[in-house]
Amino acid sequence: MPLNTTTITLHVVSASDLDRFVEEVYGTPYCTHAALEARNGDDHAADAVTEHRGFEDPEDPTSPLVSRPGLDPYDQEKLTAWQAGRPGQDPRPEVVLSDLACKGLIPPGRYLIQIRW
């Protein structure tokens, strides 16, 4: 019996290249392995998305969910706090990659981040 698999497009990036690119774009130091609490040799899959799901009426949690462009408000708060230099506020790579995709600087999709040092 064959193993069921699916072929996908996967963008592979080293954590050090991602850190460098993020610092170039935002002007704020970023450390992928610290944001992930990762170890040397780890790989981390992250999705860069350009929209999020939210309630049609943000004040009414019973309203239907709809797609909205941009980052989820919570993720935007994390990104803003990190850019303001608040300690312990490094956003996860999914947040940074999604913001970069929303800015048109990288393609949306799945990324495999390789943690090596």
PDB file of N, CA and C in Angstrom:
ATOM      1  N   MET A   1       0.840  -1.166   0.000  1.00  0.00           N
ATOM      2  CA  MET A   1       0.000   0.000   0.000  1.00  0.00           C
ATOM      3  C   MET A   1       0.899   1.247   0.000  1.00  0.00           C
ATOM      4  N   PRO A   2       0.697   2.176  -0.945  1.00  0.00           N
ATOM      5  CA  PRO A   2       1.547   3.366  -1.007  1.00  0.00           C
ATOM      6  C   PRO A   2       1.179   4.369   0.097  1.00  0.00           C
ATOM      7  N   LEU A   3       2.155   5.155   0.446  1.00  0.00           N
ATOM      8  CA  LEU A   3       1.948   6.226   1.422  1.00  0.00           C
ATOM      9  C   LEU A   3       1.254   7.392   0.730  1.00  0.00           C
ATOM     10  N   ASN A   4       0.153   7.853   1.278  1.00  0.00           N
ATOM     11  CA  ASN A   4      -0.538   9.012   0.720  1.00  0.00           C
ATOM     12  C   ASN A   4       0.241  10.277   1.051  1.00  0.00           C
ATOM     13  N   THR A   5       0.602  11.033   0.031  1.00  0.00           N
ATOM     14  CA  THR A   5       1.316  12.293   0.222  1.00  0.00           C
ATOM     15  C   THR A   5       0.681  13.367  -0.651  1.00  0.00           C
ATOM     16  N   THR A   6       1.011  14.594  -0.345  1.00  0.00           N
ATOM     17  CA  THR A   6       0.573  15.736  -1.131  1.00  0.00           C
ATOM     18  C   THR A   6       1.793  16.575  -1.463  1.00  0.00           C
ATOM     19  N   THR A   7       1.904  17.008  -2.702  1.00  0.00           N
ATOM     20  CA  THR A   7       3.001  17.876  -3.113  1.00  0.00           C
ATOM     21  C   THR A   7       2.543  19.326  -2.988  1.00  0.00           C
ATOM     22  N   ILE A   8       3.367  20.148  -2.336  1.00  0.00           N
ATOM     23  CA  ILE A   8       3.022  21.554  -2.135  1.00  0.00           C
ATOM     24  C   ILE A   8       4.201  22.436  -2.527  1.00  0.00           C
ATOM     25  N   THR A   9       3.926  23.714  -2.717  1.00  0.00           N
ATOM     26  CA  THR A   9       4.996  24.692  -2.888  1.00  0.00           C
ATOM     27  C   THR A   9       5.441  25.116  -1.500  1.00  0.00           C
ATOM     28  N   LEU A  10       6.731  25.075  -1.272  1.00  0.00           N
ATOM     29  CA  LEU A  10       7.292  25.399   0.033  1.00  0.00           C
ATOM     30  C   LEU A  10       8.472  26.335  -0.178  1.00  0.00           C
ATOM     31  N   HIS A  11       8.438  27.493   0.459  1.00  0.00           N
ATOM     32  CA  HIS A  11       9.547  28.444   0.393  1.00  0.00           C
ATOM     33  C   HIS A  11      10.485  28.118   1.555  1.00  0.00           C
ATOM     34  N   VAL A  12      11.722  27.756   1.260  1.00  0.00           N
ATOM     35  CA  VAL A  12      12.684  27.400   2.304  1.00  0.00           C
ATOM     36  C   VAL A  12      13.606  28.590   2.540  1.00  0.00           C
ATOM     37  N   VAL A  13      13.749  28.979   3.807  1.00  0.00           N
ATOM     38  CA  VAL A  13      14.586  30.127   4.161  1.00  0.00           C
ATOM     39  C   VAL A  13      15.330  29.810   5.455  1.00  0.00           C
ATOM     40  N   SER A  14      16.567  30.272   5.534  1.00  0.00           N
ATOM     41  CA  SER A  14      17.309  30.094   6.783  1.00  0.00           C
ATOM     42  C   SER A  14      16.862  31.169   7.767  1.00  0.00           C
ATOM     43  N   ALA A  15      16.912  30.840   9.035  1.00  0.00           N
ATOM     44  CA  ALA A  15      16.524  31.800  10.070  1.00  0.00           C
ATOM     45  C   ALA A  15      17.405  33.039  10.008  1.00  0.00           C
ATOM     46  N   SER A  16      18.693  32.859   9.739  1.00  0.00           N
ATOM     47  CA  SER A  16      19.584  34.023   9.697  1.00  0.00           C
ATOM     48  C   SER A  16      19.244  34.943   8.525  1.00  0.00           C
ATOM     49  N   ASP A  17      18.878  34.373   7.366  1.00  0.00           N
ATOM     50  CA  ASP A  17      18.459  35.214   6.237  1.00  0.00           C
ATOM     51  C   ASP A  17      17.148  35.927   6.551  1.00  0.00           C
ATOM     52  N   LEU A  18      16.222  35.233   7.202  1.00  0.00           N
ATOM     53  CA  LEU A  18      14.962  35.867   7.582  1.00  0.00           C
ATOM     54  C   LEU A  18      15.219  36.996   8.574  1.00  0.00           C
ATOM     55  N   ASP A  19      16.050  36.745   9.576  1.00  0.00           N
ATOM     56  CA  ASP A  19      16.374  37.778  10.570  1.00  0.00           C
ATOM     57  C   ASP A  19      16.947  39.023   9.896  1.00  0.00           C
ATOM     58  N   ARG A  20      17.874  38.810   8.980  1.00  0.00           N
ATOM     59  CA  ARG A  20      18.527  39.919   8.274  1.00  0.00           C
ATOM     60  C   ARG A  20      17.501  40.716   7.452  1.00  0.00           C
ATOM     61  N   PHE A  21      16.650  40.003   6.709  1.00  0.00           N
ATOM     62  CA  PHE A  21      15.651  40.655   5.866  1.00  0.00           C
ATOM     63  C   PHE A  21      14.649  41.445   6.714  1.00  0.00           C
ATOM     64  N   VAL A  22      14.185  40.843   7.797  1.00  0.00           N
ATOM     65  CA  VAL A  22      13.220  41.504   8.682  1.00  0.00           C
ATOM     66  C   VAL A  22      13.828  42.779   9.262  1.00  0.00           C
ATOM     67  N   GLU A  23      15.088  42.721   9.683  1.00  0.00           N
ATOM     68  CA  GLU A  23      15.731  43.918  10.229  1.00  0.00           C
ATOM     69  C   GLU A  23      15.885  44.996   9.156  1.00  0.00           C
ATOM     70  N   GLU A  24      16.196  44.596   7.917  1.00  0.00           N
ATOM     71  CA  GLU A  24      16.282  45.572   6.818  1.00  0.00           C
ATOM     72  C   GLU A  24      14.948  46.273   6.596  1.00  0.00           C
ATOM     73  N   VAL A  25      13.872  45.515   6.601  1.00  0.00           N
ATOM     74  CA  VAL A  25      12.543  46.069   6.306  1.00  0.00           C
ATOM     75  C   VAL A  25      12.034  46.940   7.454  1.00  0.00           C
ATOM     76  N   TYR A  26      12.135  46.461   8.685  1.00  0.00           N
ATOM     77  CA  TYR A  26      11.519  47.144   9.823  1.00  0.00           C
ATOM     78  C   TYR A  26      12.482  48.036  10.603  1.00  0.00           C
ATOM     79  N   GLY A  27      13.790  47.821  10.426  1.00  0.00           N
ATOM     80  CA  GLY A  27      14.752  48.600  11.192  1.00  0.00           C
ATOM     81  C   GLY A  27      14.810  48.197  12.655  1.00  0.00           C
ATOM     82  N   THR A  28      14.281  47.028  12.971  1.00  0.00           N
ATOM     83  CA  THR A  28      14.249  46.514  14.340  1.00  0.00           C
ATOM     84  C   THR A  28      14.879  45.130  14.339  1.00  0.00           C
ATOM     85  N   PRO A  29      15.852  44.868  15.230  1.00  0.00           N
ATOM     86  CA  PRO A  29      16.449  43.531  15.266  1.00  0.00           C
ATOM     87  C   PRO A  29      15.395  42.459  15.537  1.00  0.00           C
ATOM     88  N   TYR A  30      15.577  41.321  14.875  1.00  0.00           N
ATOM     89  CA  TYR A  30      14.653  40.195  15.028  1.00  0.00           C
ATOM     90  C   TYR A  30      15.468  38.920  15.122  1.00  0.00           C
ATOM     91  N   CYS A  31      15.036  38.014  15.975  1.00  0.00           N
ATOM     92  CA  CYS A  31      15.731  36.741  16.147  1.00  0.00           C
ATOM     93  C   CYS A  31      14.702  35.613  16.095  1.00  0.00           C
ATOM     94  N   THR A  32      14.679  34.918  14.963  1.00  0.00           N
ATOM     95  CA  THR A  32      13.700  33.853  14.752  1.00  0.00           C
ATOM     96  C   THR A  32      13.787  32.790  15.832  1.00  0.00           C
ATOM     97  N   HIS A  33      15.009  32.326  16.129  1.00  0.00           N
ATOM     98  CA  HIS A  33      15.099  31.220  17.090  1.00  0.00           C
ATOM     99  C   HIS A  33      14.656  31.652  18.486  1.00  0.00           C
ATOM    100  N   ALA A  34      14.829  32.914  18.838  1.00  0.00           N
ATOM    101  CA  ALA A  34      14.335  33.391  20.135  1.00  0.00           C
ATOM    102  C   ALA A  34      12.807  33.493  20.126  1.00  0.00           C
ATOM    103  N   ALA A  35      12.241  33.994  19.025  1.00  0.00           N
ATOM    104  CA  ALA A  35      10.778  34.119  18.925  1.00  0.00           C
ATOM    105  C   ALA A  35      10.107  32.753  19.016  1.00  0.00           C
ATOM    106  N   LEU A  36      10.790  31.730  18.510  1.00  0.00           N
ATOM    107  CA  LEU A  36      10.240  30.372  18.521  1.00  0.00           C
ATOM    108  C   LEU A  36      10.696  29.551  19.722  1.00  0.00           C
ATOM    109  N   GLU A  37      11.690  30.076  20.459  1.00  0.00           N
ATOM    110  CA  GLU A  37      12.343  29.285  21.501  1.00  0.00           C
ATOM    111  C   GLU A  37      12.835  27.973  20.897  1.00  0.00           C
ATOM    112  N   ALA A  38      13.485  28.108  19.734  1.00  0.00           N
ATOM    113  CA  ALA A  38      13.924  26.942  18.963  1.00  0.00           C
ATOM    114  C   ALA A  38      15.369  26.579  19.286  1.00  0.00           C
ATOM    115  N   ARG A  39      15.720  25.366  18.896  1.00  0.00           N
ATOM    116  CA  ARG A  39      17.080  24.863  19.076  1.00  0.00           C
ATOM    117  C   ARG A  39      17.763  24.744  17.725  1.00  0.00           C
ATOM    118  N   ASN A  40      19.068  24.678  17.762  1.00  0.00           N
ATOM    119  CA  ASN A  40      19.847  24.461  16.546  1.00  0.00           C
ATOM    120  C   ASN A  40      19.393  23.158  15.887  1.00  0.00           C
ATOM    121  N   GLY A  41      19.147  23.222  14.597  1.00  0.00           N
ATOM    122  CA  GLY A  41      18.719  22.049  13.852  1.00  0.00           C
ATOM    123  C   GLY A  41      17.214  21.944  13.677  1.00  0.00           C
ATOM    124  N   ASP A  42      16.459  22.790  14.375  1.00  0.00           N
ATOM    125  CA  ASP A  42      14.998  22.757  14.230  1.00  0.00           C
ATOM    126  C   ASP A  42      14.570  23.320  12.879  1.00  0.00           C
ATOM    127  N   ASP A  43      13.460  22.838  12.383  1.00  0.00           N
ATOM    128  CA  ASP A  43      12.782  23.404  11.218  1.00  0.00           C
ATOM    129  C   ASP A  43      11.389  23.816  11.687  1.00  0.00           C
ATOM    130  N   HIS A  44      10.920  24.945  11.174  1.00  0.00           N
ATOM    131  CA  HIS A  44       9.609  25.451  11.579  1.00  0.00           C
ATOM    132  C   HIS A  44       8.819  25.836  10.338  1.00  0.00           C
ATOM    133  N   ALA A  45       7.629  25.288  10.199  1.00  0.00           N
ATOM    134  CA  ALA A  45       6.748  25.654   9.086  1.00  0.00           C
ATOM    135  C   ALA A  45       5.867  26.815   9.518  1.00  0.00           C
ATOM    136  N   ALA A  46       5.736  27.812   8.639  1.00  0.00           N
ATOM    137  CA  ALA A  46       4.924  28.995   8.932  1.00  0.00           C
ATOM    138  C   ALA A  46       4.200  29.424   7.668  1.00  0.00           C
ATOM    139  N   ASP A  47       2.956  29.845   7.827  1.00  0.00           N
ATOM    140  CA  ASP A  47       2.174  30.322   6.692  1.00  0.00           C
ATOM    141  C   ASP A  47       2.164  31.841   6.661  1.00  0.00           C
ATOM    142  N   ALA A  48       2.486  32.401   5.503  1.00  0.00           N
ATOM    143  CA  ALA A  48       2.372  33.842   5.269  1.00  0.00           C
ATOM    144  C   ALA A  48       1.039  34.067   4.576  1.00  0.00           C
ATOM    145  N   VAL A  49       0.120  34.727   5.266  1.00  0.00           N
ATOM    146  CA  VAL A  49      -1.225  34.945   4.727  1.00  0.00           C
ATOM    147  C   VAL A  49      -1.496  36.445   4.618  1.00  0.00           C
ATOM    148  N   THR A  50      -2.382  36.802   3.708  1.00  0.00           N
ATOM    149  CA  THR A  50      -2.677  38.219   3.484  1.00  0.00           C
ATOM    150  C   THR A  50      -4.087  38.599   3.925  1.00  0.00           C
ATOM    151  N   GLU A  51      -4.752  37.683   4.614  1.00  0.00           N
ATOM    152  CA  GLU A  51      -6.072  37.998   5.163  1.00  0.00           C
ATOM    153  C   GLU A  51      -6.292  37.174   6.420  1.00  0.00           C
ATOM    154  N   HIS A  52      -7.270  37.573   7.186  1.00  0.00           N
ATOM    155  CA  HIS A  52      -7.616  36.856   8.416  1.00  0.00           C
ATOM    156  C   HIS A  52      -9.130  36.728   8.502  1.00  0.00           C
ATOM    157  N   ARG A  53      -9.582  35.867   9.387  1.00  0.00           N
ATOM    158  CA  ARG A  53     -11.021  35.682   9.601  1.00  0.00           C
ATOM    159  C   ARG A  53     -11.426  36.488  10.833  1.00  0.00           C
ATOM    160  N   GLY A  54     -12.532  37.173  10.727  1.00  0.00           N
ATOM    161  CA  GLY A  54     -13.039  37.949  11.855  1.00  0.00           C
ATOM    162  C   GLY A  54     -14.550  38.039  11.785  1.00  0.00           C
ATOM    163  N   PHE A  55     -15.140  38.447  12.894  1.00  0.00           N
ATOM    164  CA  PHE A  55     -16.589  38.608  12.918  1.00  0.00           C
ATOM    165  C   PHE A  55     -16.994  39.756  12.005  1.00  0.00           C
ATOM    166  N   GLU A  56     -18.094  39.565  11.297  1.00  0.00           N
ATOM    167  CA  GLU A  56     -18.608  40.620  10.419  1.00  0.00           C
ATOM    168  C   GLU A  56     -18.813  41.912  11.217  1.00  0.00           C
ATOM    169  N   ASP A  57     -19.359  41.774  12.412  1.00  0.00           N
ATOM    170  CA  ASP A  57     -19.497  42.900  13.340  1.00  0.00           C
ATOM    171  C   ASP A  57     -18.582  42.604  14.523  1.00  0.00           C
ATOM    172  N   PRO A  58     -17.426  43.275  14.612  1.00  0.00           N
ATOM    173  CA  PRO A  58     -16.473  42.975  15.688  1.00  0.00           C
ATOM    174  C   PRO A  58     -17.058  43.093  17.097  1.00  0.00           C
ATOM    175  N   GLU A  59     -18.141  43.840  17.238  1.00  0.00           N
ATOM    176  CA  GLU A  59     -18.780  44.000  18.548  1.00  0.00           C
ATOM    177  C   GLU A  59     -19.776  42.882  18.855  1.00  0.00           C
ATOM    178  N   ASP A  60     -20.066  42.047  17.856  1.00  0.00           N
ATOM    179  CA  ASP A  60     -21.078  40.997  18.024  1.00  0.00           C
ATOM    180  C   ASP A  60     -20.479  39.629  17.704  1.00  0.00           C
ATOM    181  N   PRO A  61     -20.075  38.872  18.739  1.00  0.00           N
ATOM    182  CA  PRO A  61     -19.455  37.566  18.495  1.00  0.00           C
ATOM    183  C   PRO A  61     -20.403  36.523  17.909  1.00  0.00           C
ATOM    184  N   THR A  62     -21.680  36.855  17.772  1.00  0.00           N
ATOM    185  CA  THR A  62     -22.607  35.922  17.132  1.00  0.00           C
ATOM    186  C   THR A  62     -22.749  36.209  15.637  1.00  0.00           C
ATOM    187  N   SER A  63     -22.136  37.306  15.173  1.00  0.00           N
ATOM    188  CA  SER A  63     -22.217  37.624  13.741  1.00  0.00           C
ATOM    189  C   SER A  63     -21.351  36.636  12.958  1.00  0.00           C
ATOM    190  N   PRO A  64     -21.621  36.471  11.674  1.00  0.00           N
ATOM    191  CA  PRO A  64     -20.858  35.495  10.886  1.00  0.00           C
ATOM    192  C   PRO A  64     -19.390  35.892  10.727  1.00  0.00           C
ATOM    193  N   LEU A  65     -18.556  34.875  10.524  1.00  0.00           N
ATOM    194  CA  LEU A  65     -17.144  35.117  10.245  1.00  0.00           C
ATOM    195  C   LEU A  65     -16.979  35.488   8.779  1.00  0.00           C
ATOM    196  N   VAL A  66     -16.099  36.460   8.533  1.00  0.00           N
ATOM    197  CA  VAL A  66     -15.810  36.898   7.169  1.00  0.00           C
ATOM    198  C   VAL A  66     -14.297  37.031   7.016  1.00  0.00           C
ATOM    199  N   SER A  67     -13.824  36.993   5.781  1.00  0.00           N
ATOM    200  CA  SER A  67     -12.403  37.222   5.504  1.00  0.00           C
ATOM    201  C   SER A  67     -12.156  38.719   5.428  1.00  0.00           C
ATOM    202  N   ARG A  68     -11.063  39.142   6.046  1.00  0.00           N
ATOM    203  CA  ARG A  68     -10.674  40.552   6.016  1.00  0.00           C
ATOM    204  C   ARG A  68      -9.216  40.640   5.578  1.00  0.00           C
ATOM    205  N   PRO A  69      -8.865  41.653   4.800  1.00  0.00           N
ATOM    206  CA  PRO A  69      -7.472  41.794   4.384  1.00  0.00           C
ATOM    207  C   PRO A  69      -6.586  42.201   5.560  1.00  0.00           C
ATOM    208  N   GLY A  70      -5.316  41.854   5.463  1.00  0.00           N
ATOM    209  CA  GLY A  70      -4.344  42.275   6.465  1.00  0.00           C
ATOM    210  C   GLY A  70      -4.215  41.317   7.630  1.00  0.00           C
ATOM    211  N   LEU A  71      -3.461  41.777   8.627  1.00  0.00           N
ATOM    212  CA  LEU A  71      -3.205  40.970   9.815  1.00  0.00           C
ATOM    213  C   LEU A  71      -4.410  40.952  10.746  1.00  0.00           C
ATOM    214  N   ASP A  72      -4.523  39.872  11.484  1.00  0.00           N
ATOM    215  CA  ASP A  72      -5.471  39.785  12.582  1.00  0.00           C
ATOM    216  C   ASP A  72      -5.125  40.911  13.573  1.00  0.00           C
ATOM    217  N   PRO A  73      -6.106  41.564  14.192  1.00  0.00           N
ATOM    218  CA  PRO A  73      -5.808  42.660  15.121  1.00  0.00           C
ATOM    219  C   PRO A  73      -4.845  42.270  16.248  1.00  0.00           C
ATOM    220  N   TYR A  74      -4.962  41.057  16.789  1.00  0.00           N
ATOM    221  CA  TYR A  74      -4.041  40.614  17.843  1.00  0.00           C
ATOM    222  C   TYR A  74      -2.617  40.531  17.304  1.00  0.00           C
ATOM    223  N   ASP A  75      -2.455  39.977  16.099  1.00  0.00           N
ATOM    224  CA  ASP A  75      -1.128  39.883  15.493  1.00  0.00           C
ATOM    225  C   ASP A  75      -0.571  41.270  15.199  1.00  0.00           C
ATOM    226  N   GLN A  76      -1.423  42.193  14.767  1.00  0.00           N
ATOM    227  CA  GLN A  76      -0.976  43.561  14.517  1.00  0.00           C
ATOM    228  C   GLN A  76      -0.476  44.209  15.806  1.00  0.00           C
ATOM    229  N   GLU A  77      -1.164  43.949  16.923  1.00  0.00           N
ATOM    230  CA  GLU A  77      -0.717  44.466  18.222  1.00  0.00           C
ATOM    231  C   GLU A  77       0.659  43.924  18.580  1.00  0.00           C
ATOM    232  N   LYS A  78       0.872  42.622  18.359  1.00  0.00           N
ATOM    233  CA  LYS A  78       2.178  42.013  18.650  1.00  0.00           C
ATOM    234  C   LYS A  78       3.269  42.654  17.803  1.00  0.00           C
ATOM    235  N   LEU A  79       2.985  42.869  16.525  1.00  0.00           N
ATOM    236  CA  LEU A  79       3.959  43.470  15.616  1.00  0.00           C
ATOM    237  C   LEU A  79       4.272  44.903  16.047  1.00  0.00           C
ATOM    238  N   THR A  80       3.258  45.660  16.389  1.00  0.00           N
ATOM    239  CA  THR A  80       3.444  47.052  16.813  1.00  0.00           C
ATOM    240  C   THR A  80       4.244  47.123  18.110  1.00  0.00           C
ATOM    241  N   ALA A  81       3.962  46.239  19.057  1.00  0.00           N
ATOM    242  CA  ALA A  81       4.697  46.213  20.325  1.00  0.00           C
ATOM    243  C   ALA A  81       6.164  45.892  20.085  1.00  0.00           C
ATOM    244  N   TRP A  82       6.438  44.939  19.209  1.00  0.00           N
ATOM    245  CA  TRP A  82       7.825  44.582  18.890  1.00  0.00           C
ATOM    246  C   TRP A  82       8.538  45.765  18.240  1.00  0.00           C
ATOM    247  N   GLN A  83       7.881  46.433  17.294  1.00  0.00           N
ATOM    248  CA  GLN A  83       8.496  47.578  16.623  1.00  0.00           C
ATOM    249  C   GLN A  83       8.750  48.728  17.594  1.00  0.00           C
ATOM    250  N   ALA A  84       7.949  48.814  18.653  1.00  0.00           N
ATOM    251  CA  ALA A  84       8.135  49.854  19.664  1.00  0.00           C
ATOM    252  C   ALA A  84       9.260  49.498  20.636  1.00  0.00           C
ATOM    253  N   GLY A  85       9.825  48.300  20.489  1.00  0.00           N
ATOM    254  CA  GLY A  85      10.950  47.900  21.324  1.00  0.00           C
ATOM    255  C   GLY A  85      10.563  47.374  22.689  1.00  0.00           C
ATOM    256  N   ARG A  86       9.326  46.935  22.850  1.00  0.00           N
ATOM    257  CA  ARG A  86       8.914  46.382  24.139  1.00  0.00           C
ATOM    258  C   ARG A  86       9.554  45.013  24.341  1.00  0.00           C
ATOM    259  N   PRO A  87      10.218  44.800  25.480  1.00  0.00           N
ATOM    260  CA  PRO A  87      10.875  43.516  25.722  1.00  0.00           C
ATOM    261  C   PRO A  87       9.880  42.360  25.741  1.00  0.00           C
ATOM    262  N   GLY A  88      10.338  41.223  25.229  1.00  0.00           N
ATOM    263  CA  GLY A  88       9.521  40.018  25.237  1.00  0.00           C
ATOM    264  C   GLY A  88       8.364  40.042  24.261  1.00  0.00           C
ATOM    265  N   GLN A  89       8.384  40.951  23.311  1.00  0.00           N
ATOM    266  CA  GLN A  89       7.265  41.089  22.380  1.00  0.00           C
ATOM    267  C   GLN A  89       7.602  40.615  20.970  1.00  0.00           C
ATOM    268  N   ASP A  90       8.678  39.844  20.813  1.00  0.00           N
ATOM    269  CA  ASP A  90       9.026  39.366  19.471  1.00  0.00           C
ATOM    270  C   ASP A  90       7.883  38.538  18.902  1.00  0.00           C
ATOM    271  N   PRO A  91       7.342  38.946  17.756  1.00  0.00           N
ATOM    272  CA  PRO A  91       6.239  38.181  17.166  1.00  0.00           C
ATOM    273  C   PRO A  91       6.739  36.874  16.561  1.00  0.00           C
ATOM    274  N   ARG A  92       5.881  35.887  16.520  1.00  0.00           N
ATOM    275  CA  ARG A  92       6.235  34.622  15.879  1.00  0.00           C
ATOM    276  C   ARG A  92       6.467  34.872  14.394  1.00  0.00           C
ATOM    277  N   PRO A  93       7.243  34.029  13.737  1.00  0.00           N
ATOM    278  CA  PRO A  93       7.526  34.225  12.312  1.00  0.00           C
ATOM    279  C   PRO A  93       6.278  34.317  11.441  1.00  0.00           C
ATOM    280  N   GLU A  94       5.200  33.610  11.806  1.00  0.00           N
ATOM    281  CA  GLU A  94       3.966  33.678  11.014  1.00  0.00           C
ATOM    282  C   GLU A  94       3.452  35.106  10.911  1.00  0.00           C
ATOM    283  N   VAL A  95       3.577  35.855  11.990  1.00  0.00           N
ATOM    284  CA  VAL A  95       3.098  37.239  12.016  1.00  0.00           C
ATOM    285  C   VAL A  95       3.967  38.110  11.114  1.00  0.00           C
ATOM    286  N   VAL A  96       5.275  37.972  11.258  1.00  0.00           N
ATOM    287  CA  VAL A  96       6.200  38.778  10.450  1.00  0.00           C
ATOM    288  C   VAL A  96       6.064  38.419   8.975  1.00  0.00           C
ATOM    289  N   LEU A  97       6.038  37.128   8.668  1.00  0.00           N
ATOM    290  CA  LEU A  97       5.906  36.706   7.268  1.00  0.00           C
ATOM    291  C   LEU A  97       4.587  37.186   6.671  1.00  0.00           C
ATOM    292  N   SER A  98       3.520  37.120   7.431  1.00  0.00           N
ATOM    293  CA  SER A  98       2.222  37.583   6.926  1.00  0.00           C
ATOM    294  C   SER A  98       2.242  39.081   6.659  1.00  0.00           C
ATOM    295  N   ASP A  99       2.855  39.847   7.546  1.00  0.00           N
ATOM    296  CA  ASP A  99       2.942  41.293   7.315  1.00  0.00           C
ATOM    297  C   ASP A  99       3.783  41.592   6.076  1.00  0.00           C
ATOM    298  N   LEU A 100       4.880  40.865   5.910  1.00  0.00           N
ATOM    299  CA  LEU A 100       5.710  41.048   4.709  1.00  0.00           C
ATOM    300  C   LEU A 100       4.924  40.705   3.447  1.00  0.00           C
ATOM    301  N   ALA A 101       4.112  39.658   3.513  1.00  0.00           N
ATOM    302  CA  ALA A 101       3.279  39.285   2.363  1.00  0.00           C
ATOM    303  C   ALA A 101       2.220  40.356   2.099  1.00  0.00           C
ATOM    304  N   CYS A 102       1.625  40.901   3.157  1.00  0.00           N
ATOM    305  CA  CYS A 102       0.632  41.975   2.988  1.00  0.00           C
ATOM    306  C   CYS A 102       1.261  43.205   2.349  1.00  0.00           C
ATOM    307  N   LYS A 103       2.532  43.447   2.637  1.00  0.00           N
ATOM    308  CA  LYS A 103       3.252  44.584   2.055  1.00  0.00           C
ATOM    309  C   LYS A 103       3.715  44.291   0.624  1.00  0.00           C
ATOM    310  N   GLY A 104       3.545  43.050   0.161  1.00  0.00           N
ATOM    311  CA  GLY A 104       3.966  42.675  -1.183  1.00  0.00           C
ATOM    312  C   GLY A 104       5.457  42.410  -1.308  1.00  0.00           C
ATOM    313  N   LEU A 105       6.145  42.219  -0.172  1.00  0.00           N
ATOM    314  CA  LEU A 105       7.594  42.011  -0.189  1.00  0.00           C
ATOM    315  C   LEU A 105       7.988  40.550  -0.350  1.00  0.00           C
ATOM    316  N   ILE A 106       7.090  39.641  -0.019  1.00  0.00           N
ATOM    317  CA  ILE A 106       7.313  38.208  -0.218  1.00  0.00           C
ATOM    318  C   ILE A 106       5.998  37.607  -0.713  1.00  0.00           C
ATOM    319  N   PRO A 107       6.066  36.464  -1.392  1.00  0.00           N
ATOM    320  CA  PRO A 107       4.808  35.838  -1.806  1.00  0.00           C
ATOM    321  C   PRO A 107       4.120  35.156  -0.622  1.00  0.00           C
ATOM    322  N   PRO A 108       2.787  35.186  -0.595  1.00  0.00           N
ATOM    323  CA  PRO A 108       2.098  34.412   0.434  1.00  0.00           C
ATOM    324  C   PRO A 108       2.349  32.926   0.209  1.00  0.00           C
ATOM    325  N   GLY A 109       2.185  32.148   1.244  1.00  0.00           N
ATOM    326  CA  GLY A 109       2.354  30.706   1.123  1.00  0.00           C
ATOM    327  C   GLY A 109       3.016  30.124   2.346  1.00  0.00           C
ATOM    328  N   ARG A 110       3.402  28.870   2.224  1.00  0.00           N
ATOM    329  CA  ARG A 110       4.033  28.145   3.323  1.00  0.00           C
ATOM    330  C   ARG A 110       5.547  28.315   3.245  1.00  0.00           C
ATOM    331  N   TYR A 111       6.148  28.589   4.395  1.00  0.00           N
ATOM    332  CA  TYR A 111       7.591  28.764   4.510  1.00  0.00           C
ATOM    333  C   TYR A 111       8.142  27.729   5.482  1.00  0.00           C
ATOM    334  N   LEU A 112       9.297  27.182   5.149  1.00  0.00           N
ATOM    335  CA  LEU A 112      10.019  26.303   6.058  1.00  0.00           C
ATOM    336  C   LEU A 112      11.251  27.078   6.498  1.00  0.00           C
ATOM    337  N   ILE A 113      11.308  27.389   7.775  1.00  0.00           N
ATOM    338  CA  ILE A 113      12.418  28.158   8.328  1.00  0.00           C
ATOM    339  C   ILE A 113      13.385  27.178   8.974  1.00  0.00           C
ATOM    340  N   GLN A 114      14.621  27.201   8.509  1.00  0.00           N
ATOM    341  CA  GLN A 114      15.644  26.294   9.029  1.00  0.00           C
ATOM    342  C   GLN A 114      16.486  27.030  10.066  1.00  0.00           C
ATOM    343  N   ILE A 115      16.476  26.506  11.285  1.00  0.00           N
ATOM    344  CA  ILE A 115      17.223  27.104  12.390  1.00  0.00           C
ATOM    345  C   ILE A 115      18.586  26.422  12.453  1.00  0.00           C
ATOM    346  N   ARG A 116      19.617  27.156  12.097  1.00  0.00           N
ATOM    347  CA  ARG A 116      20.989  26.614  12.122  1.00  0.00           C
ATOM    348  C   ARG A 116      21.933  27.699  12.631  1.00  0.00           C
ATOM    349  N   TRP A 117      22.852  27.316  13.498  1.00  0.00           N
ATOM    350  CA  TRP A 117      23.920  28.241  13.881  1.00  0.00           C
ATOM    351  C   TRP A 117      25.171  27.506  14.179  1.00  0.00           C
TER     352      TRP A 117
END
